[in-house]
C-alpha atoms as a PDB file:
ATOM      1  CA  PRO A   1       0.038  -0.418   0.200  1.00  0.00           C
ATOM      2  CA  SER A   2       1.252   3.330  -0.904  1.00  0.00           C
ATOM      3  CA  ALA A   3       2.965   5.667   2.208  1.00  0.00           C
ATOM      4  CA  ALA A   4      -0.647   7.379   1.492  1.00  0.00           C
ATOM      5  CA  GLN A   5      -3.225   4.748   1.656  1.00  0.00           C
ATOM      6  CA  ASP A   6      -4.620   7.170  -0.573  1.00  0.00           C
ATOM      7  CA  ASP A   7      -5.674   3.639  -3.252  1.00  0.00           C
ATOM      8  CA  ILE A   8      -8.974   1.657  -1.967  1.00  0.00           C
ATOM      9  CA  CYS A   9      -7.512  -1.083  -4.704  1.00  0.00           C
ATOM     10  CA  ASP A  10      -3.123  -0.402  -3.490  1.00  0.00           C
ATOM     11  CA  TYR A  11      -4.097  -3.393  -1.070  1.00  0.00           C
ATOM     12  CA  PRO A  12      -2.172  -6.821  -1.947  1.00  0.00           C
ATOM     13  CA  LEU A  13      -5.261  -9.600  -3.852  1.00  0.00           C
ATOM     14  CA  ALA A  14      -8.146  -6.255  -4.172  1.00  0.00           C
ATOM     15  CA  ARG A  15      -8.165  -5.818  -7.860  1.00  0.00           C
ATOM     16  CA  ASN A  16      -8.151  -9.206  -8.595  1.00  0.00           C
ATOM     17  CA  LEU A  17     -10.976  -9.958  -6.177  1.00  0.00           C
ATOM     18  CA  VAL A  18     -13.051  -7.446  -7.871  1.00  0.00           C
ATOM     19  CA  MET A  19     -12.538  -8.222 -11.182  1.00  0.00           C
ATOM     20  CA  LEU A  20     -12.687 -12.048  -9.941  1.00  0.00           C
ATOM     21  CA  ALA A  21     -16.717 -10.685  -8.207  1.00  0.00           C
ATOM     22  CA  VAL A  22     -17.218  -8.435 -11.747  1.00  0.00           C
ATOM     23  CA  ALA A  23     -16.445 -11.607 -14.144  1.00  0.00           C
ATOM     24  CA  VAL A  24     -19.464 -13.143 -12.094  1.00  0.00           C
ATOM     25  CA  ALA A  25     -21.967 -11.755 -12.212  1.00  0.00           C
ATOM     26  CA  SER A  26     -20.726 -10.461 -16.395  1.00  0.00           C
ATOM     27  CA  GLU A  27     -21.729 -14.462 -16.892  1.00  0.00           C
ATOM     28  CA  THR A  28     -24.497 -14.583 -14.612  1.00  0.00           C
ATOM     29  CA  ILE A  29     -26.466 -12.025 -16.551  1.00  0.00           C
ATOM     30  CA  VAL A  30     -25.768 -12.753 -19.336  1.00  0.00           C
ATOM     31  CA  THR A  31     -26.572 -16.045 -19.490  1.00  0.00           C
ATOM     32  CA  PHE A  32     -29.816 -14.951 -17.664  1.00  0.00           C
ATOM     33  CA  ILE A  33     -30.333 -12.982 -20.671  1.00  0.00           C
ATOM     34  CA  ASP A  34     -29.530 -15.525 -23.378  1.00  0.00           C
ATOM     35  CA  LYS A  35     -31.072 -17.975 -21.519  1.00  0.00           C
ATOM     36  CA  VAL A  36     -33.261 -16.533 -18.882  1.00  0.00           C
ATOM     37  CA  LYS A  37     -31.457 -19.336 -16.762  1.00  0.00           C
ATOM     38  CA  LYS A  38     -30.653 -17.549 -12.621  1.00  0.00           C
ATOM     39  CA  GLU A  39     -28.165 -19.018 -11.768  1.00  0.00           C
ATOM     40  CA  ASN A  40     -26.373 -18.639  -7.836  1.00  0.00           C
ATOM     41  CA  PHE A  41     -22.652 -19.050  -7.389  1.00  0.00           C
ATOM     42  CA  THR A  42     -20.287 -18.439  -3.966  1.00  0.00           C
ATOM     43  CA  ILE A  43     -16.883 -17.253  -4.180  1.00  0.00           C
ATOM     44  CA  THR A  44     -14.201 -17.990  -2.054  1.00  0.00           C
ATOM     45  CA  LEU A  45     -11.709 -16.336  -0.802  1.00  0.00           C
ATOM     46  CA  THR A  46      -9.914 -18.956   0.549  1.00  0.00           C
ATOM     47  CA  ASP A  47      -8.893 -21.024  -2.241  1.00  0.00           C
ATOM     48  CA  PHE A  48     -10.724 -18.935  -4.545  1.00  0.00           C
ATOM     49  CA  ALA A  49     -13.403 -20.871  -6.003  1.00  0.00           C
ATOM     50  CA  ILE A  50     -16.312 -20.325  -8.058  1.00  0.00           C
ATOM     51  CA  LYS A  51     -19.710 -23.576  -7.837  1.00  0.00           C
ATOM     52  CA  PRO A  52     -23.031 -23.238  -7.707  1.00  0.00           C
ATOM     53  CA  TYR A  53     -25.455 -22.012  -5.724  1.00  0.00           C
ATOM     54  CA  LEU A  54     -27.273 -25.233  -4.508  1.00  0.00           C
ATOM     55  CA  GLY A  55     -29.335 -24.096  -1.449  1.00  0.00           C
END
């Protein structure tokens, strides 16, 4: 992180986590628009796994 602590995305993995969440959200939206199918996913940070939510 910078000395001024001015960039919220300057922390390790912050930018990667945001990109991961955006990719999953984008894929879910495209699938809903294309196939009119609702999908839910969980993202776990310990192993960076993306799995369907079955709850």
